Amino acid sequence: MPRLALYYVENHKIEIVKTFLGKEKVLVNGAKISEKKSMNGVQHVFILNKNKFRIVRRHQSKVGSMNTYEIHKDEVPVALINVEQNKANHILILIIIVGIGCGYLFGAFVYQLFVGPSIS
């Protein structure tokens, strides 16, 4: 499961991961606290050490250079830094696809060059 965000709050590790079925999970110290369908504005609410936490996914147009998620502790916004940096998995996939395509074209060229149609 790809991790979307990682925060540390009061010596607790809060992870937000995305499942392959399109859901977001909130894990606190590895234990699942909340799971909802991944979409803009989805809220995950849970209680930790007698404090009510609310994690809200920001709208894509407002994210820009800010964190993707907004965290509130007892309805007060908390300024946290996302420890997990966004990884460019899509670039790796693109490189693999281009490599396979170039390999196919090179193989087809070599095949036509040496094995291709023979004139008898």
PDB file of N, CA and C in Angstrom:
ATOM      1  N   MET A   1       0.844  -1.178   0.000  1.00  0.00           N
ATOM      2  CA  MET A   1       0.000   0.000   0.000  1.00  0.00           C
ATOM      3  C   MET A   1       0.888   1.240   0.000  1.00  0.00           C
ATOM      4  N   PRO A   2       0.670   2.132  -0.937  1.00  0.00           N
ATOM      5  CA  PRO A   2       1.470   3.354  -0.957  1.00  0.00           C
ATOM      6  C   PRO A   2       1.088   4.293   0.187  1.00  0.00           C
ATOM      7  N   ARG A   3       2.113   4.821   0.838  1.00  0.00           N
ATOM      8  CA  ARG A   3       1.888   5.740   1.953  1.00  0.00           C
ATOM      9  C   ARG A   3       1.753   7.147   1.396  1.00  0.00           C
ATOM     10  N   LEU A   4       0.650   7.815   1.743  1.00  0.00           N
ATOM     11  CA  LEU A   4       0.391   9.167   1.269  1.00  0.00           C
ATOM     12  C   LEU A   4       0.982  10.221   2.189  1.00  0.00           C
ATOM     13  N   ALA A   5       0.991   9.950   3.488  1.00  0.00           N
ATOM     14  CA  ALA A   5       1.503  10.927   4.438  1.00  0.00           C
ATOM     15  C   ALA A   5       1.963  10.216   5.702  1.00  0.00           C
ATOM     16  N   LEU A   6       2.894  10.860   6.392  1.00  0.00           N
ATOM     17  CA  LEU A   6       3.409  10.342   7.655  1.00  0.00           C
ATOM     18  C   LEU A   6       3.626  11.526   8.588  1.00  0.00           C
ATOM     19  N   TYR A   7       3.000  11.475   9.762  1.00  0.00           N
ATOM     20  CA  TYR A   7       3.120  12.537  10.752  1.00  0.00           C
ATOM     21  C   TYR A   7       3.480  11.929  12.106  1.00  0.00           C
ATOM     22  N   TYR A   8       4.136  12.713  12.932  1.00  0.00           N
ATOM     23  CA  TYR A   8       4.402  12.319  14.308  1.00  0.00           C
ATOM     24  C   TYR A   8       3.720  13.325  15.223  1.00  0.00           C
ATOM     25  N   VAL A   9       2.795  12.828  16.072  1.00  0.00           N
ATOM     26  CA  VAL A   9       2.046  13.673  16.996  1.00  0.00           C
ATOM     27  C   VAL A   9       2.141  13.051  18.385  1.00  0.00           C
ATOM     28  N   GLU A  10       2.660  13.803  19.330  1.00  0.00           N
ATOM     29  CA  GLU A  10       2.740  13.355  20.724  1.00  0.00           C
ATOM     30  C   GLU A  10       3.303  11.939  20.834  1.00  0.00           C
ATOM     31  N   ASN A  11       4.437  11.696  20.211  1.00  0.00           N
ATOM     32  CA  ASN A  11       5.114  10.397  20.227  1.00  0.00           C
ATOM     33  C   ASN A  11       4.280   9.284  19.607  1.00  0.00           C
ATOM     34  N   HIS A  12       3.331   9.619  18.756  1.00  0.00           N
ATOM     35  CA  HIS A  12       2.540   8.635  18.027  1.00  0.00           C
ATOM     36  C   HIS A  12       2.810   8.822  16.537  1.00  0.00           C
ATOM     37  N   LYS A  13       2.929   7.714  15.849  1.00  0.00           N
ATOM     38  CA  LYS A  13       3.168   7.728  14.413  1.00  0.00           C
ATOM     39  C   LYS A  13       1.817   7.606  13.697  1.00  0.00           C
ATOM     40  N   ILE A  14       1.440   8.633  12.938  1.00  0.00           N
ATOM     41  CA  ILE A  14       0.190   8.634  12.191  1.00  0.00           C
ATOM     42  C   ILE A  14       0.523   8.509  10.714  1.00  0.00           C
ATOM     43  N   GLU A  15       0.035   7.430  10.104  1.00  0.00           N
ATOM     44  CA  GLU A  15       0.267   7.180   8.690  1.00  0.00           C
ATOM     45  C   GLU A  15      -1.062   7.224   7.947  1.00  0.00           C
ATOM     46  N   ILE A  16      -1.022   7.763   6.749  1.00  0.00           N
ATOM     47  CA  ILE A  16      -2.181   7.728   5.866  1.00  0.00           C
ATOM     48  C   ILE A  16      -1.737   6.963   4.633  1.00  0.00           C
ATOM     49  N   VAL A  17      -2.392   5.834   4.398  1.00  0.00           N
ATOM     50  CA  VAL A  17      -2.029   4.979   3.267  1.00  0.00           C
ATOM     51  C   VAL A  17      -3.241   4.799   2.363  1.00  0.00           C
ATOM     52  N   LYS A  18      -2.960   4.474   1.112  1.00  0.00           N
ATOM     53  CA  LYS A  18      -4.033   4.250   0.141  1.00  0.00           C
ATOM     54  C   LYS A  18      -4.016   2.777  -0.242  1.00  0.00           C
ATOM     55  N   THR A  19      -5.172   2.149  -0.162  1.00  0.00           N
ATOM     56  CA  THR A  19      -5.272   0.735  -0.521  1.00  0.00           C
ATOM     57  C   THR A  19      -5.456   0.600  -2.025  1.00  0.00           C
ATOM     58  N   PHE A  20      -5.328  -0.623  -2.507  1.00  0.00           N
ATOM     59  CA  PHE A  20      -5.492  -0.871  -3.928  1.00  0.00           C
ATOM     60  C   PHE A  20      -6.950  -0.791  -4.361  1.00  0.00           C
ATOM     61  N   LEU A  21      -7.862  -0.775  -3.404  1.00  0.00           N
ATOM     62  CA  LEU A  21      -9.288  -0.663  -3.709  1.00  0.00           C
ATOM     63  C   LEU A  21      -9.768   0.782  -3.693  1.00  0.00           C
ATOM     64  N   GLY A  22      -8.841   1.751  -3.569  1.00  0.00           N
ATOM     65  CA  GLY A  22      -9.197   3.165  -3.616  1.00  0.00           C
ATOM     66  C   GLY A  22      -9.675   3.735  -2.299  1.00  0.00           C
ATOM     67  N   LYS A  23      -9.262   3.135  -1.185  1.00  0.00           N
ATOM     68  CA  LYS A  23      -9.642   3.648   0.128  1.00  0.00           C
ATOM     69  C   LYS A  23      -8.418   4.209   0.838  1.00  0.00           C
ATOM     70  N   GLU A  24      -8.673   5.179   1.720  1.00  0.00           N
ATOM     71  CA  GLU A  24      -7.625   5.731   2.571  1.00  0.00           C
ATOM     72  C   GLU A  24      -7.735   5.097   3.948  1.00  0.00           C
ATOM     73  N   LYS A  25      -6.597   4.706   4.488  1.00  0.00           N
ATOM     74  CA  LYS A  25      -6.550   4.177   5.847  1.00  0.00           C
ATOM     75  C   LYS A  25      -5.698   5.100   6.688  1.00  0.00           C
ATOM     76  N   VAL A  26      -6.144   5.334   7.927  1.00  0.00           N
ATOM     77  CA  VAL A  26      -5.342   6.065   8.890  1.00  0.00           C
ATOM     78  C   VAL A  26      -4.854   5.051   9.916  1.00  0.00           C
ATOM     79  N   LEU A  27      -3.535   4.953  10.041  1.00  0.00           N
ATOM     80  CA  LEU A  27      -2.918   4.030  10.985  1.00  0.00           C
ATOM     81  C   LEU A  27      -2.220   4.828  12.070  1.00  0.00           C
ATOM     82  N   VAL A  28      -2.466   4.481  13.321  1.00  0.00           N
ATOM     83  CA  VAL A  28      -1.764   5.101  14.449  1.00  0.00           C
ATOM     84  C   VAL A  28      -0.935   4.009  15.094  1.00  0.00           C
ATOM     85  N   ASN A  29       0.379   4.186  15.056  1.00  0.00           N
ATOM     86  CA  ASN A  29       1.326   3.191  15.562  1.00  0.00           C
ATOM     87  C   ASN A  29       1.079   1.827  14.929  1.00  0.00           C
ATOM     88  N   GLY A  30       0.700   1.810  13.663  1.00  0.00           N
ATOM     89  CA  GLY A  30       0.496   0.573  12.927  1.00  0.00           C
ATOM     90  C   GLY A  30      -0.901  -0.019  13.027  1.00  0.00           C
ATOM     91  N   ALA A  31      -1.747   0.490  13.910  1.00  0.00           N
ATOM     92  CA  ALA A  31      -3.110  -0.029  14.082  1.00  0.00           C
ATOM     93  C   ALA A  31      -4.086   0.831  13.281  1.00  0.00           C
ATOM     94  N   LYS A  32      -5.006   0.173  12.572  1.00  0.00           N
ATOM     95  CA  LYS A  32      -5.989   0.901  11.759  1.00  0.00           C
ATOM     96  C   LYS A  32      -6.998   1.601  12.660  1.00  0.00           C
ATOM     97  N   ILE A  33      -7.141   2.905  12.439  1.00  0.00           N
ATOM     98  CA  ILE A  33      -8.077   3.723  13.216  1.00  0.00           C
ATOM     99  C   ILE A  33      -9.290   4.086  12.375  1.00  0.00           C
ATOM    100  N   SER A  34      -9.065   4.381  11.092  1.00  0.00           N
ATOM    101  CA  SER A  34     -10.143   4.824  10.224  1.00  0.00           C
ATOM    102  C   SER A  34      -9.869   4.358   8.805  1.00  0.00           C
ATOM    103  N   GLU A  35     -10.941   4.072   8.071  1.00  0.00           N
ATOM    104  CA  GLU A  35     -10.830   3.699   6.661  1.00  0.00           C
ATOM    105  C   GLU A  35     -12.043   4.238   5.924  1.00  0.00           C
ATOM    106  N   LYS A  36     -11.780   5.070   4.907  1.00  0.00           N
ATOM    107  CA  LYS A  36     -12.867   5.659   4.123  1.00  0.00           C
ATOM    108  C   LYS A  36     -12.454   5.722   2.666  1.00  0.00           C
ATOM    109  N   LYS A  37     -13.447   5.879   1.791  1.00  0.00           N
ATOM    110  CA  LYS A  37     -13.180   5.990   0.365  1.00  0.00           C
ATOM    111  C   LYS A  37     -12.379   7.257   0.092  1.00  0.00           C
ATOM    112  N   SER A  38     -11.346   7.139  -0.726  1.00  0.00           N
ATOM    113  CA  SER A  38     -10.451   8.249  -1.016  1.00  0.00           C
ATOM    114  C   SER A  38     -11.121   9.245  -1.957  1.00  0.00           C
ATOM    115  N   MET A  39     -11.333  10.469  -1.480  1.00  0.00           N
ATOM    116  CA  MET A  39     -11.901  11.546  -2.282  1.00  0.00           C
ATOM    117  C   MET A  39     -11.613  12.869  -1.583  1.00  0.00           C
ATOM    118  N   ASN A  40     -11.803  13.966  -2.290  1.00  0.00           N
ATOM    119  CA  ASN A  40     -11.560  15.288  -1.697  1.00  0.00           C
ATOM    120  C   ASN A  40     -12.544  15.548  -0.570  1.00  0.00           C
ATOM    121  N   GLY A  41     -12.057  16.131   0.518  1.00  0.00           N
ATOM    122  CA  GLY A  41     -12.918  16.503   1.628  1.00  0.00           C
ATOM    123  C   GLY A  41     -13.248  15.378   2.590  1.00  0.00           C
ATOM    124  N   VAL A  42     -12.697  14.192   2.388  1.00  0.00           N
ATOM    125  CA  VAL A  42     -12.998  13.083   3.301  1.00  0.00           C
ATOM    126  C   VAL A  42     -12.364  13.372   4.664  1.00  0.00           C
ATOM    127  N   GLN A  43     -13.106  13.034   5.729  1.00  0.00           N
ATOM    128  CA  GLN A  43     -12.649  13.307   7.093  1.00  0.00           C
ATOM    129  C   GLN A  43     -12.452  12.001   7.854  1.00  0.00           C
ATOM    130  N   HIS A  44     -11.333  11.919   8.542  1.00  0.00           N
ATOM    131  CA  HIS A  44     -11.059  10.798   9.439  1.00  0.00           C
ATOM    132  C   HIS A  44     -11.044  11.381  10.854  1.00  0.00           C
ATOM    133  N   VAL A  45     -11.906  10.878  11.715  1.00  0.00           N
ATOM    134  CA  VAL A  45     -12.012  11.382  13.083  1.00  0.00           C
ATOM    135  C   VAL A  45     -11.689  10.242  14.038  1.00  0.00           C
ATOM    136  N   PHE A  46     -10.820  10.516  15.026  1.00  0.00           N
ATOM    137  CA  PHE A  46     -10.473   9.510  16.018  1.00  0.00           C
ATOM    138  C   PHE A  46     -10.017  10.196  17.302  1.00  0.00           C
ATOM    139  N   ILE A  47     -10.014   9.450  18.388  1.00  0.00           N
ATOM    140  CA  ILE A  47      -9.611   9.983  19.696  1.00  0.00           C
ATOM    141  C   ILE A  47      -8.306   9.310  20.097  1.00  0.00           C
ATOM    142  N   LEU A  48      -7.354  10.139  20.539  1.00  0.00           N
ATOM    143  CA  LEU A  48      -6.041   9.663  20.940  1.00  0.00           C
ATOM    144  C   LEU A  48      -5.616  10.428  22.188  1.00  0.00           C
ATOM    145  N   ASN A  49      -5.396   9.721  23.283  1.00  0.00           N
ATOM    146  CA  ASN A  49      -5.020  10.353  24.570  1.00  0.00           C
ATOM    147  C   ASN A  49      -6.014  11.432  24.997  1.00  0.00           C
ATOM    148  N   LYS A  50      -7.289  11.133  24.948  1.00  0.00           N
ATOM    149  CA  LYS A  50      -8.374  12.042  25.342  1.00  0.00           C
ATOM    150  C   LYS A  50      -8.460  13.300  24.484  1.00  0.00           C
ATOM    151  N   ASN A  51      -7.811  13.289  23.327  1.00  0.00           N
ATOM    152  CA  ASN A  51      -7.880  14.400  22.384  1.00  0.00           C
ATOM    153  C   ASN A  51      -8.556  13.912  21.108  1.00  0.00           C
ATOM    154  N   LYS A  52      -9.441  14.748  20.583  1.00  0.00           N
ATOM    155  CA  LYS A  52     -10.151  14.398  19.356  1.00  0.00           C
ATOM    156  C   LYS A  52      -9.347  14.930  18.168  1.00  0.00           C
ATOM    157  N   PHE A  53      -8.957  14.035  17.276  1.00  0.00           N
ATOM    158  CA  PHE A  53      -8.216  14.407  16.081  1.00  0.00           C
ATOM    159  C   PHE A  53      -9.115  14.267  14.868  1.00  0.00           C
ATOM    160  N   ARG A  54      -8.934  15.199  13.940  1.00  0.00           N
ATOM    161  CA  ARG A  54      -9.684  15.162  12.688  1.00  0.00           C
ATOM    162  C   ARG A  54      -8.685  15.424  11.563  1.00  0.00           C
ATOM    163  N   ILE A  55      -8.618  14.495  10.624  1.00  0.00           N
ATOM    164  CA  ILE A  55      -7.739  14.640   9.460  1.00  0.00           C
ATOM    165  C   ILE A  55      -8.622  14.819   8.238  1.00  0.00           C
ATOM    166  N   VAL A  56      -8.395  15.910   7.525  1.00  0.00           N
ATOM    167  CA  VAL A  56      -9.208  16.248   6.352  1.00  0.00           C
ATOM    168  C   VAL A  56      -8.294  16.351   5.142  1.00  0.00           C
ATOM    169  N   ARG A  57      -8.709  15.720   4.063  1.00  0.00           N
ATOM    170  CA  ARG A  57      -7.972  15.839   2.803  1.00  0.00           C
ATOM    171  C   ARG A  57      -8.376  17.148   2.139  1.00  0.00           C
ATOM    172  N   ARG A  58      -7.408  17.981   1.813  1.00  0.00           N
ATOM    173  CA  ARG A  58      -7.691  19.259   1.173  1.00  0.00           C
ATOM    174  C   ARG A  58      -8.075  19.059  -0.282  1.00  0.00           C
ATOM    175  N   HIS A  59      -8.787  20.048  -0.823  1.00  0.00           N
ATOM    176  CA  HIS A  59      -9.175  20.018  -2.235  1.00  0.00           C
ATOM    177  C   HIS A  59      -7.914  20.189  -3.078  1.00  0.00           C
ATOM    178  N   GLN A  60      -7.854  19.481  -4.213  1.00  0.00           N
ATOM    179  CA  GLN A  60      -6.663  19.491  -5.067  1.00  0.00           C
ATOM    180  C   GLN A  60      -6.238  20.894  -5.474  1.00  0.00           C
ATOM    181  N   SER A  61      -7.189  21.790  -5.724  1.00  0.00           N
ATOM    182  CA  SER A  61      -6.840  23.140  -6.173  1.00  0.00           C
ATOM    183  C   SER A  61      -6.187  23.955  -5.066  1.00  0.00           C
ATOM    184  N   LYS A  62      -6.385  23.568  -3.801  1.00  0.00           N
ATOM    185  CA  LYS A  62      -5.824  24.319  -2.684  1.00  0.00           C
ATOM    186  C   LYS A  62      -4.525  23.727  -2.167  1.00  0.00           C
ATOM    187  N   VAL A  63      -4.132  22.565  -2.665  1.00  0.00           N
ATOM    188  CA  VAL A  63      -2.953  21.889  -2.117  1.00  0.00           C
ATOM    189  C   VAL A  63      -1.692  22.648  -2.484  1.00  0.00           C
ATOM    190  N   GLY A  64      -1.384  22.767  -3.771  1.00  0.00           N
ATOM    191  CA  GLY A  64      -0.194  23.479  -4.212  1.00  0.00           C
ATOM    192  C   GLY A  64       1.041  23.018  -3.475  1.00  0.00           C
ATOM    193  N   SER A  65       1.680  23.916  -2.742  1.00  0.00           N
ATOM    194  CA  SER A  65       2.885  23.569  -1.993  1.00  0.00           C
ATOM    195  C   SER A  65       2.565  23.211  -0.543  1.00  0.00           C
ATOM    196  N   MET A  66       1.288  23.218  -0.166  1.00  0.00           N
ATOM    197  CA  MET A  66       0.910  22.891   1.206  1.00  0.00           C
ATOM    198  C   MET A  66       0.797  21.382   1.369  1.00  0.00           C
ATOM    199  N   ASN A  67       0.584  20.958   2.601  1.00  0.00           N
ATOM    200  CA  ASN A  67       0.312  19.550   2.863  1.00  0.00           C
ATOM    201  C   ASN A  67      -1.017  19.165   2.243  1.00  0.00           C
ATOM    202  N   THR A  68      -1.111  17.926   1.833  1.00  0.00           N
ATOM    203  CA  THR A  68      -2.354  17.430   1.246  1.00  0.00           C
ATOM    204  C   THR A  68      -3.424  17.279   2.311  1.00  0.00           C
ATOM    205  N   TYR A  69      -3.014  17.052   3.550  1.00  0.00           N
ATOM    206  CA  TYR A  69      -3.953  16.816   4.645  1.00  0.00           C
ATOM    207  C   TYR A  69      -3.859  17.925   5.681  1.00  0.00           C
ATOM    208  N   GLU A  70      -5.003  18.237   6.251  1.00  0.00           N
ATOM    209  CA  GLU A  70      -5.100  19.232   7.323  1.00  0.00           C
ATOM    210  C   GLU A  70      -5.483  18.484   8.593  1.00  0.00           C
ATOM    211  N   ILE A  71      -4.720  18.680   9.652  1.00  0.00           N
ATOM    212  CA  ILE A  71      -4.954  17.962  10.905  1.00  0.00           C
ATOM    213  C   ILE A  71      -5.419  18.944  11.975  1.00  0.00           C
ATOM    214  N   HIS A  72      -6.505  18.554  12.670  1.00  0.00           N
ATOM    215  CA  HIS A  72      -7.049  19.356  13.753  1.00  0.00           C
ATOM    216  C   HIS A  72      -7.006  18.535  15.034  1.00  0.00           C
ATOM    217  N   LYS A  73      -6.546  19.167  16.097  1.00  0.00           N
ATOM    218  CA  LYS A  73      -6.550  18.534  17.419  1.00  0.00           C
ATOM    219  C   LYS A  73      -7.504  19.335  18.285  1.00  0.00           C
ATOM    220  N   ASP A  74      -8.580  18.708  18.726  1.00  0.00           N
ATOM    221  CA  ASP A  74      -9.637  19.386  19.490  1.00  0.00           C
ATOM    222  C   ASP A  74     -10.131  20.622  18.751  1.00  0.00           C
ATOM    223  N   GLU A  75     -10.355  20.456  17.451  1.00  0.00           N
ATOM    224  CA  GLU A  75     -10.885  21.486  16.537  1.00  0.00           C
ATOM    225  C   GLU A  75      -9.950  22.681  16.350  1.00  0.00           C
ATOM    226  N   VAL A  76      -8.678  22.542  16.704  1.00  0.00           N
ATOM    227  CA  VAL A  76      -7.681  23.590  16.485  1.00  0.00           C
ATOM    228  C   VAL A  76      -6.684  23.052  15.457  1.00  0.00           C
ATOM    229  N   PRO A  77      -6.432  23.794  14.374  1.00  0.00           N
ATOM    230  CA  PRO A  77      -5.476  23.303  13.372  1.00  0.00           C
ATOM    231  C   PRO A  77      -4.087  23.114  13.967  1.00  0.00           C
ATOM    232  N   VAL A  78      -3.453  22.016  13.578  1.00  0.00           N
ATOM    233  CA  VAL A  78      -2.110  21.704  14.045  1.00  0.00           C
ATOM    234  C   VAL A  78      -1.169  21.830  12.860  1.00  0.00           C
ATOM    235  N   ALA A  79      -0.070  22.561  13.052  1.00  0.00           N
ATOM    236  CA  ALA A  79       0.917  22.724  11.985  1.00  0.00           C
ATOM    237  C   ALA A  79       1.914  21.575  12.076  1.00  0.00           C
ATOM    238  N   LEU A  80       1.796  20.639  11.158  1.00  0.00           N
ATOM    239  CA  LEU A  80       2.696  19.491  11.118  1.00  0.00           C
ATOM    240  C   LEU A  80       3.356  19.407   9.751  1.00  0.00           C
ATOM    241  N   ILE A  81       4.512  18.817   9.734  1.00  0.00           N
ATOM    242  CA  ILE A  81       5.229  18.619   8.481  1.00  0.00           C
ATOM    243  C   ILE A  81       5.087  17.165   8.081  1.00  0.00           C
ATOM    244  N   ASN A  82       4.730  16.949   6.836  1.00  0.00           N
ATOM    245  CA  ASN A  82       4.608  15.599   6.310  1.00  0.00           C
ATOM    246  C   ASN A  82       6.007  15.028   6.159  1.00  0.00           C
ATOM    247  N   VAL A  83       6.311  13.996   6.932  1.00  0.00           N
ATOM    248  CA  VAL A  83       7.633  13.390   6.906  1.00  0.00           C
ATOM    249  C   VAL A  83       7.836  12.616   5.609  1.00  0.00           C
ATOM    250  N   GLU A  84       6.790  12.018   5.113  1.00  0.00           N
ATOM    251  CA  GLU A  84       6.859  11.215   3.881  1.00  0.00           C
ATOM    252  C   GLU A  84       6.815  12.143   2.680  1.00  0.00           C
ATOM    253  N   GLN A  85       7.847  12.082   1.869  1.00  0.00           N
ATOM    254  CA  GLN A  85       7.873  12.892   0.655  1.00  0.00           C
ATOM    255  C   GLN A  85       7.179  12.133  -0.464  1.00  0.00           C
ATOM    256  N   ASN A  86       6.566  12.871  -1.369  1.00  0.00           N
ATOM    257  CA  ASN A  86       5.906  12.229  -2.501  1.00  0.00           C
ATOM    258  C   ASN A  86       6.948  11.556  -3.381  1.00  0.00           C
ATOM    259  N   LYS A  87       6.700  10.318  -3.716  1.00  0.00           N
ATOM    260  CA  LYS A  87       7.614   9.573  -4.570  1.00  0.00           C
ATOM    261  C   LYS A  87       7.068   9.588  -5.989  1.00  0.00           C
ATOM    262  N   ALA A  88       7.976   9.640  -6.922  1.00  0.00           N
ATOM    263  CA  ALA A  88       7.571   9.721  -8.320  1.00  0.00           C
ATOM    264  C   ALA A  88       7.488   8.316  -8.920  1.00  0.00           C
ATOM    265  N   ASN A  89       6.509   7.533  -8.461  1.00  0.00           N
ATOM    266  CA  ASN A  89       6.335   6.180  -8.988  1.00  0.00           C
ATOM    267  C   ASN A  89       5.892   6.207 -10.439  1.00  0.00           C
ATOM    268  N   HIS A  90       5.134   7.226 -10.813  1.00  0.00           N
ATOM    269  CA  HIS A  90       4.649   7.283 -12.189  1.00  0.00           C
ATOM    270  C   HIS A  90       5.800   7.496 -13.172  1.00  0.00           C
ATOM    271  N   ILE A  91       6.874   8.158 -12.756  1.00  0.00           N
ATOM    272  CA  ILE A  91       8.027   8.342 -13.634  1.00  0.00           C
ATOM    273  C   ILE A  91       8.734   7.003 -13.842  1.00  0.00           C
ATOM    274  N   LEU A  92       8.848   6.212 -12.796  1.00  0.00           N
ATOM    275  CA  LEU A  92       9.456   4.891 -12.912  1.00  0.00           C
ATOM    276  C   LEU A  92       8.656   4.004 -13.864  1.00  0.00           C
ATOM    277  N   ILE A  93       7.339   4.034 -13.743  1.00  0.00           N
ATOM    278  CA  ILE A  93       6.486   3.246 -14.633  1.00  0.00           C
ATOM    279  C   ILE A  93       6.651   3.720 -16.077  1.00  0.00           C
ATOM    280  N   LEU A  94       6.725   5.027 -16.282  1.00  0.00           N
ATOM    281  CA  LEU A  94       6.916   5.561 -17.627  1.00  0.00           C
ATOM    282  C   LEU A  94       8.250   5.099 -18.215  1.00  0.00           C
ATOM    283  N   ILE A  95       9.311   5.111 -17.418  1.00  0.00           N
ATOM    284  CA  ILE A  95      10.630   4.665 -17.884  1.00  0.00           C
ATOM    285  C   ILE A  95      10.578   3.185 -18.271  1.00  0.00           C
ATOM    286  N   ILE A  96       9.898   2.378 -17.478  1.00  0.00           N
ATOM    287  CA  ILE A  96       9.785   0.947 -17.790  1.00  0.00           C
ATOM    288  C   ILE A  96       9.021   0.736 -19.088  1.00  0.00           C
ATOM    289  N   ILE A  97       7.915   1.453 -19.275  1.00  0.00           N
ATOM    290  CA  ILE A  97       7.126   1.308 -20.501  1.00  0.00           C
ATOM    291  C   ILE A  97       7.924   1.745 -21.723  1.00  0.00           C
ATOM    292  N   VAL A  98       8.646   2.861 -21.610  1.00  0.00           N
ATOM    293  CA  VAL A  98       9.464   3.329 -22.732  1.00  0.00           C
ATOM    294  C   VAL A  98      10.575   2.323 -23.020  1.00  0.00           C
ATOM    295  N   GLY A  99      11.178   1.751 -21.986  1.00  0.00           N
ATOM    296  CA  GLY A  99      12.228   0.743 -22.177  1.00  0.00           C
ATOM    297  C   GLY A  99      11.715  -0.494 -22.880  1.00  0.00           C
ATOM    298  N   ILE A 100      10.548  -0.954 -22.486  1.00  0.00           N
ATOM    299  CA  ILE A 100       9.953  -2.126 -23.143  1.00  0.00           C
ATOM    300  C   ILE A 100       9.633  -1.806 -24.605  1.00  0.00           C
ATOM    301  N   GLY A 101       9.098  -0.631 -24.867  1.00  0.00           N
ATOM    302  CA  GLY A 101       8.777  -0.229 -26.245  1.00  0.00           C
ATOM    303  C   GLY A 101      10.021  -0.132 -27.108  1.00  0.00           C
ATOM    304  N   CYS A 102      11.082   0.476 -26.590  1.00  0.00           N
ATOM    305  CA  CYS A 102      12.331   0.585 -27.356  1.00  0.00           C
ATOM    306  C   CYS A 102      12.936  -0.795 -27.595  1.00  0.00           C
ATOM    307  N   GLY A 103      12.871  -1.660 -26.585  1.00  0.00           N
ATOM    308  CA  GLY A 103      13.382  -3.024 -26.747  1.00  0.00           C
ATOM    309  C   GLY A 103      12.620  -3.783 -27.814  1.00  0.00           C
ATOM    310  N   TYR A 104      11.312  -3.618 -27.842  1.00  0.00           N
ATOM    311  CA  TYR A 104      10.495  -4.273 -28.867  1.00  0.00           C
ATOM    312  C   TYR A 104      10.872  -3.776 -30.261  1.00  0.00           C
ATOM    313  N   LEU A 105      10.998  -2.457 -30.417  1.00  0.00           N
ATOM    314  CA  LEU A 105      11.352  -1.905 -31.728  1.00  0.00           C
ATOM    315  C   LEU A 105      12.746  -2.363 -32.174  1.00  0.00           C
ATOM    316  N   PHE A 106      13.696  -2.367 -31.251  1.00  0.00           N
ATOM    317  CA  PHE A 106      15.048  -2.815 -31.579  1.00  0.00           C
ATOM    318  C   PHE A 106      15.038  -4.288 -31.973  1.00  0.00           C
ATOM    319  N   GLY A 107      14.290  -5.110 -31.230  1.00  0.00           N
ATOM    320  CA  GLY A 107      14.184  -6.537 -31.556  1.00  0.00           C
ATOM    321  C   GLY A 107      13.553  -6.757 -32.915  1.00  0.00           C
ATOM    322  N   ALA A 108      12.506  -5.995 -33.238  1.00  0.00           N
ATOM    323  CA  ALA A 108      11.851  -6.122 -34.534  1.00  0.00           C
ATOM    324  C   ALA A 108      12.805  -5.715 -35.661  1.00  0.00           C
ATOM    325  N   PHE A 109      13.601  -4.677 -35.439  1.00  0.00           N
ATOM    326  CA  PHE A 109      14.580  -4.236 -36.441  1.00  0.00           C
ATOM    327  C   PHE A 109      15.638  -5.306 -36.679  1.00  0.00           C
ATOM    328  N   VAL A 110      16.189  -5.868 -35.612  1.00  0.00           N
ATOM    329  CA  VAL A 110      17.209  -6.906 -35.737  1.00  0.00           C
ATOM    330  C   VAL A 110      16.625  -8.139 -36.413  1.00  0.00           C
ATOM    331  N   TYR A 111      15.403  -8.492 -36.085  1.00  0.00           N
ATOM    332  CA  TYR A 111      14.748  -9.642 -36.715  1.00  0.00           C
ATOM    333  C   TYR A 111      14.613  -9.422 -38.218  1.00  0.00           C
ATOM    334  N   GLN A 112      14.151  -8.236 -38.619  1.00  0.00           N
ATOM    335  CA  GLN A 112      13.997  -7.931 -40.041  1.00  0.00           C
ATOM    336  C   GLN A 112      15.347  -7.886 -40.746  1.00  0.00           C
ATOM    337  N   LEU A 113      16.375  -7.463 -40.055  1.00  0.00           N
ATOM    338  CA  LEU A 113      17.693  -7.337 -40.639  1.00  0.00           C
ATOM    339  C   LEU A 113      18.324  -8.689 -40.929  1.00  0.00           C
ATOM    340  N   PHE A 114      18.209  -9.629 -39.994  1.00  0.00           N
ATOM    341  CA  PHE A 114      18.902 -10.909 -40.136  1.00  0.00           C
ATOM    342  C   PHE A 114      17.998 -12.074 -40.529  1.00  0.00           C
ATOM    343  N   VAL A 115      16.771 -12.104 -40.087  1.00  0.00           N
ATOM    344  CA  VAL A 115      15.911 -13.250 -40.311  1.00  0.00           C
ATOM    345  C   VAL A 115      14.796 -12.929 -41.286  1.00  0.00           C
ATOM    346  N   GLY A 116      14.576 -11.689 -41.569  1.00  0.00           N
ATOM    347  CA  GLY A 116      13.446 -11.228 -42.363  1.00  0.00           C
ATOM    348  C   GLY A 116      13.194 -12.016 -43.638  1.00  0.00           C
ATOM    349  N   PRO A 117      12.352 -11.497 -44.481  1.00  0.00           N
ATOM    350  CA  PRO A 117      11.971 -12.234 -45.683  1.00  0.00           C
ATOM    351  C   PRO A 117      13.186 -12.495 -46.591  1.00  0.00           C
ATOM    352  N   SER A 118      13.371 -13.728 -46.936  1.00  0.00           N
ATOM    353  CA  SER A 118      14.483 -14.128 -47.811  1.00  0.00           C
ATOM    354  C   SER A 118      13.960 -14.281 -49.236  1.00  0.00           C
ATOM    355  N   ILE A 119      14.725 -13.782 -50.176  1.00  0.00           N
ATOM    356  CA  ILE A 119      14.343 -13.921 -51.588  1.00  0.00           C
ATOM    357  C   ILE A 119      15.060 -15.151 -52.114  1.00  0.00           C
ATOM    358  N   SER A 120      14.291 -16.128 -52.592  1.00  0.00           N
ATOM    359  CA  SER A 120      14.895 -17.391 -53.072  1.00  0.00           C
ATOM    360  C   SER A 120      14.874 -17.456 -54.572  1.00  0.00           C
TER     361      SER A 120
END
